[in-house]
Amino acid sequence: MAEAQRSNPEAGILQHPLSTHPDSSDNNRFQMVPVGVGIKLRVFTRDLDQDAVPLVFCNGLGQAIEILFPLMKELAGRPIIAFDAAGVGLSDVPGEPASIPDHAAMLTEVLDALGVDRCDVLGISWGGAVAQQLAKDMPTRVRKLVLAVTSAGGLGSWWGSPVALGEIFFPLRYSSKAYGNFIGPLMYGGEAVWNRSLFREYSKHAVAPSLTGYFAQVKALCSWNSLFWFGELQQPTQIIGGTMDALIPIANQMLLATLKPDAQLKVFQAGHLLMYSRRSEIGALVTEFLDA
């Protein structure tokens, strides 16, 4: 099985143009964490020495840790854990496609390796499925749950626009940066369409996934749903959606809020880019929710 490139396999620390956090220190670092059978995930941690509940990020489809840095800046002072899902970024590609429960199990192994017994979880887009599954599988370990621009799964969701759907299954955006900057705003909708420079600014943080890992993620989401148990989750839950989201329409977040009436729903006049375009407001919202 191919492994992610590592300059020092013994230390497990990656040397990569984007592998140093802007606030780099001994407490902010990347490392490779063994999970499953013979694979390692790239994991970023910040301030885990603090006596506070860390926030775990579950990222979107094909997205590496670097795309989260701007949002992390809005959550200053909070311990953070982020990871490249299997097959994404610089994590290893599994020999067999991983399901959503598999991804949640790998994340559990990461938490074990880091010695984290209690955490909050923020799931963005595709990562919302992993976040929901982790909350279900580890009800006493996950304290609070934040779900942003996500859904109840492939069979339990309203699909996005034809353009967005076509690009999900035929991701030509990874073959050409120019094409990606053209099609990306049409996939995301809202502010990404009328302010294309904003999308280009956002996408400069992206690290392309392996196609094997990407399509395994698509398959995992399409074969998973939380319709029949999401409402039974005990964790306090904050749901975030955008009215102009062309990729995962607002109807999906409304459905989640309906399934779990005690969840809080915050709607922004924005598209799928809102976790970047409205990150200051998102940071304040998440901080208030987690600290309450």
C-alpha atoms as a PDB file:
ATOM      1  CA  MET A   1       0.000   0.000   0.000  1.00  0.00           C
ATOM      2  CA  ALA A   2       1.345   3.423  -0.921  1.00  0.00           C
ATOM      3  CA  GLU A   3       2.059   5.717   1.998  1.00  0.00           C
ATOM      4  CA  ALA A   4       2.084   9.492   2.203  1.00  0.00           C
ATOM      5  CA  GLN A   5       5.444  11.087   1.581  1.00  0.00           C
ATOM      6  CA  ARG A   6       7.345  11.670   4.820  1.00  0.00           C
ATOM      7  CA  SER A   7      10.752  13.201   5.145  1.00  0.00           C
ATOM      8  CA  ASN A   8      11.365  11.578   8.535  1.00  0.00           C
ATOM      9  CA  PRO A   9       9.401   8.335   8.956  1.00  0.00           C
ATOM     10  CA  GLU A  10      10.653   7.817  12.503  1.00  0.00           C
ATOM     11  CA  ALA A  11       9.495  11.216  13.739  1.00  0.00           C
ATOM     12  CA  GLY A  12       6.441  11.178  11.499  1.00  0.00           C
ATOM     13  CA  ILE A  13       6.675  14.958  10.919  1.00  0.00           C
ATOM     14  CA  LEU A  14       5.922  16.084   7.375  1.00  0.00           C
ATOM     15  CA  GLN A  15       7.916  18.605   5.410  1.00  0.00           C
ATOM     16  CA  HIS A  16       5.449  20.212   2.992  1.00  0.00           C
ATOM     17  CA  PRO A  17       4.981  23.809   1.753  1.00  0.00           C
ATOM     18  CA  LEU A  18       1.703  24.059   3.659  1.00  0.00           C
ATOM     19  CA  SER A  19       2.507  21.880   6.661  1.00  0.00           C
ATOM     20  CA  THR A  20       3.498  24.683   9.006  1.00  0.00           C
ATOM     21  CA  HIS A  21       0.669  26.513  10.743  1.00  0.00           C
ATOM     22  CA  PRO A  22       0.951  30.327  10.710  1.00  0.00           C
ATOM     23  CA  ASP A  23       1.282  30.225  14.512  1.00  0.00           C
ATOM     24  CA  SER A  24       3.767  27.371  14.514  1.00  0.00           C
ATOM     25  CA  SER A  25       5.174  26.265  17.850  1.00  0.00           C
ATOM     26  CA  ASP A  26       5.849  23.063  19.743  1.00  0.00           C
ATOM     27  CA  ASN A  27       2.123  22.904  20.505  1.00  0.00           C
ATOM     28  CA  ASN A  28       1.032  23.380  16.884  1.00  0.00           C
ATOM     29  CA  ARG A  29       2.250  20.613  14.640  1.00  0.00           C
ATOM     30  CA  PHE A  30       1.600  17.981  12.025  1.00  0.00           C
ATOM     31  CA  GLN A  31       2.230  14.306  12.641  1.00  0.00           C
ATOM     32  CA  MET A  32       1.406  10.977  11.052  1.00  0.00           C
ATOM     33  CA  VAL A  33      -0.842   8.815  13.252  1.00  0.00           C
ATOM     34  CA  PRO A  34      -1.206   5.057  12.590  1.00  0.00           C
ATOM     35  CA  VAL A  35      -4.814   3.862  12.227  1.00  0.00           C
ATOM     36  CA  GLY A  36      -6.500   0.765  10.883  1.00  0.00           C
ATOM     37  CA  VAL A  37      -4.282  -1.777   9.181  1.00  0.00           C
ATOM     38  CA  GLY A  38      -1.052  -0.334   7.875  1.00  0.00           C
ATOM     39  CA  ILE A  39      -2.118   3.235   7.093  1.00  0.00           C
ATOM     40  CA  LYS A  40      -1.398   6.584   8.682  1.00  0.00           C
ATOM     41  CA  LEU A  41      -3.422   9.792   8.754  1.00  0.00           C
ATOM     42  CA  ARG A  42      -1.874  13.234   8.739  1.00  0.00           C
ATOM     43  CA  VAL A  43      -3.072  15.046  11.848  1.00  0.00           C
ATOM     44  CA  PHE A  44      -2.715  18.666  12.933  1.00  0.00           C
ATOM     45  CA  THR A  45      -2.976  19.645  16.597  1.00  0.00           C
ATOM     46  CA  ARG A  46      -3.021  23.021  18.276  1.00  0.00           C
ATOM     47  CA  ASP A  47      -2.641  23.771  21.984  1.00  0.00           C
ATOM     48  CA  LEU A  48      -3.576  20.312  23.230  1.00  0.00           C
ATOM     49  CA  ASP A  49      -1.663  21.097  26.416  1.00  0.00           C
ATOM     50  CA  GLN A  50      -4.465  23.452  27.456  1.00  0.00           C
ATOM     51  CA  ASP A  51      -6.951  22.291  30.070  1.00  0.00           C
ATOM     52  CA  ALA A  52      -9.957  22.626  27.775  1.00  0.00           C
ATOM     53  CA  VAL A  53     -12.121  20.412  25.570  1.00  0.00           C
ATOM     54  CA  PRO A  54     -10.534  20.279  22.096  1.00  0.00           C
ATOM     55  CA  LEU A  55     -12.510  20.919  18.935  1.00  0.00           C
ATOM     56  CA  VAL A  56     -12.146  18.238  16.252  1.00  0.00           C
ATOM     57  CA  PHE A  57     -12.637  19.294  12.619  1.00  0.00           C
ATOM     58  CA  CYS A  58     -14.108  16.799  10.133  1.00  0.00           C
ATOM     59  CA  ASN A  59     -13.408  18.341   6.744  1.00  0.00           C
ATOM     60  CA  GLY A  60     -15.249  18.437   3.423  1.00  0.00           C
ATOM     61  CA  LEU A  61     -14.999  16.155   0.394  1.00  0.00           C
ATOM     62  CA  GLY A  62     -11.426  15.927  -0.875  1.00  0.00           C
ATOM     63  CA  GLN A  63     -10.281  18.735   1.419  1.00  0.00           C
ATOM     64  CA  ALA A  64      -6.980  18.741   3.281  1.00  0.00           C
ATOM     65  CA  ILE A  65      -6.236  20.390   6.620  1.00  0.00           C
ATOM     66  CA  GLU A  66      -4.826  23.571   5.049  1.00  0.00           C
ATOM     67  CA  ILE A  67      -8.247  24.720   3.854  1.00  0.00           C
ATOM     68  CA  LEU A  68      -9.263  25.085   7.518  1.00  0.00           C
ATOM     69  CA  PHE A  69      -6.517  27.488   8.608  1.00  0.00           C
ATOM     70  CA  PRO A  70      -8.506  30.710   8.002  1.00  0.00           C
ATOM     71  CA  LEU A  71     -11.407  29.402  10.128  1.00  0.00           C
ATOM     72  CA  MET A  72      -9.026  28.174  12.827  1.00  0.00           C
ATOM     73  CA  LYS A  73      -7.771  31.743  13.243  1.00  0.00           C
ATOM     74  CA  GLU A  74     -11.302  32.736  14.288  1.00  0.00           C
ATOM     75  CA  LEU A  75     -11.186  30.152  17.085  1.00  0.00           C
ATOM     76  CA  ALA A  76      -8.107  31.487  18.845  1.00  0.00           C
ATOM     77  CA  GLY A  77      -7.320  30.019  22.238  1.00  0.00           C
ATOM     78  CA  ARG A  78      -9.223  26.800  21.639  1.00  0.00           C
ATOM     79  CA  PRO A  79      -7.410  23.440  21.409  1.00  0.00           C
ATOM     80  CA  ILE A  80      -7.886  22.028  17.916  1.00  0.00           C
ATOM     81  CA  ILE A  81      -7.475  18.702  16.148  1.00  0.00           C
ATOM     82  CA  ALA A  82      -7.787  18.400  12.361  1.00  0.00           C
ATOM     83  CA  PHE A  83      -6.903  15.550  10.038  1.00  0.00           C
ATOM     84  CA  ASP A  84      -6.684  14.533   6.411  1.00  0.00           C
ATOM     85  CA  ALA A  85      -9.198  11.743   5.876  1.00  0.00           C
ATOM     86  CA  ALA A  86      -7.836   8.509   4.391  1.00  0.00           C
ATOM     87  CA  GLY A  87      -6.867   9.104   0.768  1.00  0.00           C
ATOM     88  CA  VAL A  88      -6.980  12.893   1.119  1.00  0.00           C
ATOM     89  CA  GLY A  89      -4.183  15.433   1.480  1.00  0.00           C
ATOM     90  CA  LEU A  90      -1.075  13.624   2.679  1.00  0.00           C
ATOM     91  CA  SER A  91      -2.817  10.760   4.456  1.00  0.00           C
ATOM     92  CA  ASP A  92      -2.328   7.238   3.155  1.00  0.00           C
ATOM     93  CA  VAL A  93      -4.785   5.627   0.750  1.00  0.00           C
ATOM     94  CA  PRO A  94      -6.448   2.489   2.207  1.00  0.00           C
ATOM     95  CA  GLY A  95      -6.263  -0.734   0.236  1.00  0.00           C
ATOM     96  CA  GLU A  96     -10.055  -0.984   0.379  1.00  0.00           C
ATOM     97  CA  PRO A  97     -12.565   1.894   0.200  1.00  0.00           C
ATOM     98  CA  ALA A  98     -13.521   3.139   3.674  1.00  0.00           C
ATOM     99  CA  SER A  99     -17.159   3.605   4.709  1.00  0.00           C
ATOM    100  CA  ILE A 100     -18.361   6.492   6.883  1.00  0.00           C
ATOM    101  CA  PRO A 101     -18.289   4.220   9.978  1.00  0.00           C
ATOM    102  CA  ASP A 102     -14.732   3.267   8.970  1.00  0.00           C
ATOM    103  CA  HIS A 103     -13.732   6.930   8.838  1.00  0.00           C
ATOM    104  CA  ALA A 104     -15.310   7.510  12.256  1.00  0.00           C
ATOM    105  CA  ALA A 105     -13.425   4.504  13.626  1.00  0.00           C
ATOM    106  CA  MET A 106     -10.138   5.863  12.243  1.00  0.00           C
ATOM    107  CA  LEU A 107     -10.852   9.211  13.901  1.00  0.00           C
ATOM    108  CA  THR A 108     -11.483   7.378  17.172  1.00  0.00           C
ATOM    109  CA  GLU A 109      -8.028   5.806  16.842  1.00  0.00           C
ATOM    110  CA  VAL A 110      -6.537   9.266  16.303  1.00  0.00           C
ATOM    111  CA  LEU A 111      -8.203  10.507  19.493  1.00  0.00           C
ATOM    112  CA  ASP A 112      -6.885   7.442  21.338  1.00  0.00           C
ATOM    113  CA  ALA A 113      -3.356   8.113  20.095  1.00  0.00           C
ATOM    114  CA  LEU A 114      -3.565  11.747  21.193  1.00  0.00           C
ATOM    115  CA  GLY A 115      -4.965  10.811  24.602  1.00  0.00           C
ATOM    116  CA  VAL A 116      -8.184  12.765  24.059  1.00  0.00           C
ATOM    117  CA  ASP A 117     -11.063  11.348  26.106  1.00  0.00           C
ATOM    118  CA  ARG A 118     -13.594  14.153  25.498  1.00  0.00           C
ATOM    119  CA  CYS A 119     -14.061  16.476  22.538  1.00  0.00           C
ATOM    120  CA  ASP A 120     -16.383  18.717  20.601  1.00  0.00           C
ATOM    121  CA  VAL A 121     -16.788  17.971  16.875  1.00  0.00           C
ATOM    122  CA  LEU A 122     -17.317  20.304  13.916  1.00  0.00           C
ATOM    123  CA  GLY A 123     -18.339  18.529  10.704  1.00  0.00           C
ATOM    124  CA  ILE A 124     -18.245  20.501   7.455  1.00  0.00           C
ATOM    125  CA  SER A 125     -20.022  19.255   4.314  1.00  0.00           C
ATOM    126  CA  TRP A 126     -18.856  15.633   3.735  1.00  0.00           C
ATOM    127  CA  GLY A 127     -17.241  15.713   7.166  1.00  0.00           C
ATOM    128  CA  GLY A 128     -20.657  16.231   8.721  1.00  0.00           C
ATOM    129  CA  ALA A 129     -21.386  12.568   8.048  1.00  0.00           C
ATOM    130  CA  VAL A 130     -18.244  11.474   9.918  1.00  0.00           C
ATOM    131  CA  ALA A 131     -19.114  13.866  12.751  1.00  0.00           C
ATOM    132  CA  GLN A 132     -22.641  12.443  13.061  1.00  0.00           C
ATOM    133  CA  GLN A 133     -21.338   8.879  12.983  1.00  0.00           C
ATOM    134  CA  LEU A 134     -18.718   9.624  15.647  1.00  0.00           C
ATOM    135  CA  ALA A 135     -21.369  11.215  17.872  1.00  0.00           C
ATOM    136  CA  LYS A 136     -23.514   8.096  17.478  1.00  0.00           C
ATOM    137  CA  ASP A 137     -20.692   5.628  18.059  1.00  0.00           C
ATOM    138  CA  MET A 138     -19.042   7.561  20.925  1.00  0.00           C
ATOM    139  CA  PRO A 139     -21.918   9.275  22.777  1.00  0.00           C
ATOM    140  CA  THR A 140     -19.944   9.852  25.981  1.00  0.00           C
ATOM    141  CA  ARG A 141     -16.809  11.013  24.166  1.00  0.00           C
ATOM    142  CA  VAL A 142     -18.406  13.677  21.963  1.00  0.00           C
ATOM    143  CA  ARG A 143     -19.625  16.540  24.144  1.00  0.00           C
ATOM    144  CA  LYS A 144     -21.127  18.941  21.564  1.00  0.00           C
ATOM    145  CA  LEU A 145     -21.765  18.702  17.839  1.00  0.00           C
ATOM    146  CA  VAL A 146     -21.601  21.415  15.158  1.00  0.00           C
ATOM    147  CA  LEU A 147     -22.817  20.511  11.656  1.00  0.00           C
ATOM    148  CA  ALA A 148     -22.187  22.979   8.837  1.00  0.00           C
ATOM    149  CA  VAL A 149     -23.475  22.880   5.243  1.00  0.00           C
ATOM    150  CA  THR A 150     -24.054  19.131   5.525  1.00  0.00           C
ATOM    151  CA  SER A 151     -26.835  16.562   5.244  1.00  0.00           C
ATOM    152  CA  ALA A 152     -28.258  13.276   6.501  1.00  0.00           C
ATOM    153  CA  GLY A 153     -26.368  11.380   3.787  1.00  0.00           C
ATOM    154  CA  GLY A 154     -26.634  10.343   0.167  1.00  0.00           C
ATOM    155  CA  LEU A 155     -29.967   8.550   0.460  1.00  0.00           C
ATOM    156  CA  GLY A 156     -31.311  11.067   2.947  1.00  0.00           C
ATOM    157  CA  SER A 157     -30.565  14.354   1.249  1.00  0.00           C
ATOM    158  CA  TRP A 158     -31.602  16.873  -1.358  1.00  0.00           C
ATOM    159  CA  TRP A 159     -28.979  16.915  -4.050  1.00  0.00           C
ATOM    160  CA  GLY A 160     -27.464  20.156  -5.290  1.00  0.00           C
ATOM    161  CA  SER A 161     -27.589  21.762  -8.717  1.00  0.00           C
ATOM    162  CA  PRO A 162     -26.875  19.710 -11.857  1.00  0.00           C
ATOM    163  CA  VAL A 163     -23.550  21.528 -12.229  1.00  0.00           C
ATOM    164  CA  ALA A 164     -22.553  20.696  -8.654  1.00  0.00           C
ATOM    165  CA  LEU A 165     -23.717  17.098  -8.950  1.00  0.00           C
ATOM    166  CA  GLY A 166     -21.892  16.557 -12.241  1.00  0.00           C
ATOM    167  CA  GLU A 167     -18.629  17.906 -10.872  1.00  0.00           C
ATOM    168  CA  ILE A 168     -18.891  15.737  -7.738  1.00  0.00           C
ATOM    169  CA  PHE A 169     -18.962  12.588  -9.858  1.00  0.00           C
ATOM    170  CA  PHE A 170     -16.594  13.860 -12.576  1.00  0.00           C
ATOM    171  CA  PRO A 171     -14.085  16.050 -10.691  1.00  0.00           C
ATOM    172  CA  LEU A 172     -12.306  17.712 -13.595  1.00  0.00           C
ATOM    173  CA  ARG A 173     -11.514  20.647 -11.291  1.00  0.00           C
ATOM    174  CA  TYR A 174      -8.508  18.730  -9.991  1.00  0.00           C
ATOM    175  CA  SER A 175      -6.989  18.404 -13.464  1.00  0.00           C
ATOM    176  CA  SER A 176      -6.852  22.153 -14.148  1.00  0.00           C
ATOM    177  CA  LYS A 177      -6.558  25.070 -11.739  1.00  0.00           C
ATOM    178  CA  ALA A 178      -8.111  27.413 -14.314  1.00  0.00           C
ATOM    179  CA  TYR A 179     -11.082  25.100 -14.802  1.00  0.00           C
ATOM    180  CA  GLY A 180     -11.381  24.661 -11.041  1.00  0.00           C
ATOM    181  CA  ASN A 181     -11.576  28.422 -10.556  1.00  0.00           C
ATOM    182  CA  PHE A 182     -14.294  28.534 -13.234  1.00  0.00           C
ATOM    183  CA  ILE A 183     -16.473  25.630 -12.085  1.00  0.00           C
ATOM    184  CA  GLY A 184     -15.895  25.964  -8.324  1.00  0.00           C
ATOM    185  CA  PRO A 185     -18.033  29.081  -7.848  1.00  0.00           C
ATOM    186  CA  LEU A 186     -20.886  27.466  -9.808  1.00  0.00           C
ATOM    187  CA  MET A 187     -20.680  24.416  -7.520  1.00  0.00           C
ATOM    188  CA  TYR A 188     -20.670  26.492  -4.321  1.00  0.00           C
ATOM    189  CA  GLY A 189     -23.236  29.117  -5.318  1.00  0.00           C
ATOM    190  CA  GLY A 190     -23.985  32.445  -3.655  1.00  0.00           C
ATOM    191  CA  GLU A 191     -21.084  34.789  -2.941  1.00  0.00           C
ATOM    192  CA  ALA A 192     -18.642  32.516  -4.805  1.00  0.00           C
ATOM    193  CA  VAL A 193     -20.490  33.322  -8.057  1.00  0.00           C
ATOM    194  CA  TRP A 194     -20.558  37.098  -7.815  1.00  0.00           C
ATOM    195  CA  ASN A 195     -17.169  37.381  -6.126  1.00  0.00           C
ATOM    196  CA  ARG A 196     -14.959  34.899  -7.925  1.00  0.00           C
ATOM    197  CA  SER A 197     -11.804  36.376  -6.430  1.00  0.00           C
ATOM    198  CA  LEU A 198     -13.117  35.226  -3.042  1.00  0.00           C
ATOM    199  CA  PHE A 199     -13.264  31.648  -4.288  1.00  0.00           C
ATOM    200  CA  ARG A 200      -9.759  31.888  -5.768  1.00  0.00           C
ATOM    201  CA  GLU A 201      -8.505  33.186  -2.436  1.00  0.00           C
ATOM    202  CA  TYR A 202     -10.187  30.256  -0.673  1.00  0.00           C
ATOM    203  CA  SER A 203      -8.976  27.600  -3.101  1.00  0.00           C
ATOM    204  CA  LYS A 204      -5.322  28.619  -2.899  1.00  0.00           C
ATOM    205  CA  HIS A 205      -5.240  26.737   0.429  1.00  0.00           C
ATOM    206  CA  ALA A 206      -6.424  23.501  -1.223  1.00  0.00           C
ATOM    207  CA  VAL A 207      -4.304  20.352  -1.591  1.00  0.00           C
ATOM    208  CA  ALA A 208      -5.611  17.958  -4.266  1.00  0.00           C
ATOM    209  CA  PRO A 209      -6.676  14.501  -3.012  1.00  0.00           C
ATOM    210  CA  SER A 210      -5.806  11.209  -4.661  1.00  0.00           C
ATOM    211  CA  LEU A 211      -8.566  10.254  -7.089  1.00  0.00           C
ATOM    212  CA  THR A 212      -8.809   6.845  -5.405  1.00  0.00           C
ATOM    213  CA  GLY A 213      -9.385   8.490  -2.038  1.00  0.00           C
ATOM    214  CA  TYR A 214     -11.779  11.052  -3.493  1.00  0.00           C
ATOM    215  CA  PHE A 215     -14.061   8.525  -5.194  1.00  0.00           C
ATOM    216  CA  ALA A 216     -13.983   6.344  -2.075  1.00  0.00           C
ATOM    217  CA  GLN A 217     -15.293   9.345  -0.124  1.00  0.00           C
ATOM    218  CA  VAL A 218     -18.093   9.875  -2.652  1.00  0.00           C
ATOM    219  CA  LYS A 219     -19.070   6.206  -2.452  1.00  0.00           C
ATOM    220  CA  ALA A 220     -18.979   6.293   1.355  1.00  0.00           C
ATOM    221  CA  LEU A 221     -21.398   9.219   1.548  1.00  0.00           C
ATOM    222  CA  CYS A 222     -23.750   7.851  -1.114  1.00  0.00           C
ATOM    223  CA  SER A 223     -24.123   4.586   0.801  1.00  0.00           C
ATOM    224  CA  TRP A 224     -24.674   6.166   4.237  1.00  0.00           C
ATOM    225  CA  ASN A 225     -27.483   8.048   5.944  1.00  0.00           C
ATOM    226  CA  SER A 226     -28.493   9.121   9.437  1.00  0.00           C
ATOM    227  CA  LEU A 227     -32.222   9.559   8.833  1.00  0.00           C
ATOM    228  CA  PHE A 228     -33.313   6.885  11.272  1.00  0.00           C
ATOM    229  CA  TRP A 229     -31.093   7.783  14.223  1.00  0.00           C
ATOM    230  CA  PHE A 230     -29.956  11.407  13.967  1.00  0.00           C
ATOM    231  CA  GLY A 231     -32.819  12.599  16.155  1.00  0.00           C
ATOM    232  CA  GLU A 232     -31.710  10.225  18.917  1.00  0.00           C
ATOM    233  CA  LEU A 233     -28.294  11.826  19.359  1.00  0.00           C
ATOM    234  CA  GLN A 234     -27.931  13.215  22.867  1.00  0.00           C
ATOM    235  CA  GLN A 235     -25.282  15.852  22.175  1.00  0.00           C
ATOM    236  CA  PRO A 236     -26.309  19.527  22.057  1.00  0.00           C
ATOM    237  CA  THR A 237     -26.188  20.339  18.342  1.00  0.00           C
ATOM    238  CA  GLN A 238     -25.658  23.518  16.329  1.00  0.00           C
ATOM    239  CA  ILE A 239     -26.606  23.310  12.628  1.00  0.00           C
ATOM    240  CA  ILE A 240     -25.348  25.897  10.122  1.00  0.00           C
ATOM    241  CA  GLY A 241     -26.619  26.393   6.575  1.00  0.00           C
ATOM    242  CA  GLY A 242     -26.600  28.827   3.678  1.00  0.00           C
ATOM    243  CA  THR A 243     -29.666  29.895   1.713  1.00  0.00           C
ATOM    244  CA  MET A 244     -27.729  30.014  -1.573  1.00  0.00           C
ATOM    245  CA  ASP A 245     -25.805  26.763  -1.216  1.00  0.00           C
ATOM    246  CA  ALA A 246     -25.759  25.081  -4.642  1.00  0.00           C
ATOM    247  CA  LEU A 247     -23.895  21.987  -3.428  1.00  0.00           C
ATOM    248  CA  ILE A 248     -25.794  20.940  -0.290  1.00  0.00           C
ATOM    249  CA  PRO A 249     -29.001  23.030  -0.341  1.00  0.00           C
ATOM    250  CA  ILE A 250     -30.469  24.565   2.805  1.00  0.00           C
ATOM    251  CA  ALA A 251     -33.293  21.982   2.725  1.00  0.00           C
ATOM    252  CA  ASN A 252     -30.767  19.485   4.083  1.00  0.00           C
ATOM    253  CA  GLN A 253     -29.976  21.501   7.181  1.00  0.00           C
ATOM    254  CA  MET A 254     -33.687  22.180   7.690  1.00  0.00           C
ATOM    255  CA  LEU A 255     -34.290  18.423   7.570  1.00  0.00           C
ATOM    256  CA  LEU A 256     -31.614  17.806  10.199  1.00  0.00           C
ATOM    257  CA  ALA A 257     -33.172  20.460  12.427  1.00  0.00           C
ATOM    258  CA  THR A 258     -36.575  18.827  11.964  1.00  0.00           C
ATOM    259  CA  LEU A 259     -35.210  15.402  12.873  1.00  0.00           C
ATOM    260  CA  LYS A 260     -33.646  16.849  16.032  1.00  0.00           C
ATOM    261  CA  PRO A 261     -35.986  19.567  17.343  1.00  0.00           C
ATOM    262  CA  ASP A 262     -33.676  20.508  20.217  1.00  0.00           C
ATOM    263  CA  ALA A 263     -30.883  21.422  17.768  1.00  0.00           C
ATOM    264  CA  GLN A 264     -30.140  25.067  17.026  1.00  0.00           C
ATOM    265  CA  LEU A 265     -30.292  26.133  13.372  1.00  0.00           C
ATOM    266  CA  LYS A 266     -28.437  29.226  12.118  1.00  0.00           C
ATOM    267  CA  VAL A 267     -28.985  30.250   8.504  1.00  0.00           C
ATOM    268  CA  PHE A 268     -26.711  32.645   6.617  1.00  0.00           C
ATOM    269  CA  GLN A 269     -27.390  34.476   3.363  1.00  0.00           C
ATOM    270  CA  ALA A 270     -24.513  32.664   1.721  1.00  0.00           C
ATOM    271  CA  GLY A 271     -23.517  29.652  -0.374  1.00  0.00           C
ATOM    272  CA  HIS A 272     -21.376  26.600   0.340  1.00  0.00           C
ATOM    273  CA  LEU A 273     -18.380  28.887   0.835  1.00  0.00           C
ATOM    274  CA  LEU A 274     -19.817  30.366   4.034  1.00  0.00           C
ATOM    275  CA  MET A 275     -17.340  28.648   6.372  1.00  0.00           C
ATOM    276  CA  TYR A 276     -14.717  30.798   4.638  1.00  0.00           C
ATOM    277  CA  SER A 277     -16.623  33.874   3.494  1.00  0.00           C
ATOM    278  CA  ARG A 278     -18.389  34.330   6.841  1.00  0.00           C
ATOM    279  CA  ARG A 279     -15.684  32.817   9.016  1.00  0.00           C
ATOM    280  CA  SER A 280     -15.590  35.674  11.506  1.00  0.00           C
ATOM    281  CA  GLU A 281     -19.301  35.238  12.265  1.00  0.00           C
ATOM    282  CA  ILE A 282     -18.971  31.464  12.190  1.00  0.00           C
ATOM    283  CA  GLY A 283     -16.111  31.630  14.675  1.00  0.00           C
ATOM    284  CA  ALA A 284     -18.160  33.761  17.049  1.00  0.00           C
ATOM    285  CA  LEU A 285     -21.200  31.473  16.685  1.00  0.00           C
ATOM    286  CA  VAL A 286     -19.216  28.293  17.315  1.00  0.00           C
ATOM    287  CA  THR A 287     -17.394  29.843  20.274  1.00  0.00           C
ATOM    288  CA  GLU A 288     -20.644  30.966  21.885  1.00  0.00           C
ATOM    289  CA  PHE A 289     -22.242  27.553  21.364  1.00  0.00           C
ATOM    290  CA  LEU A 290     -19.305  25.540  22.679  1.00  0.00           C
ATOM    291  CA  ASP A 291     -18.738  27.805  25.671  1.00  0.00           C
ATOM    292  CA  ALA A 292     -22.390  27.893  26.747  1.00  0.00           C
END
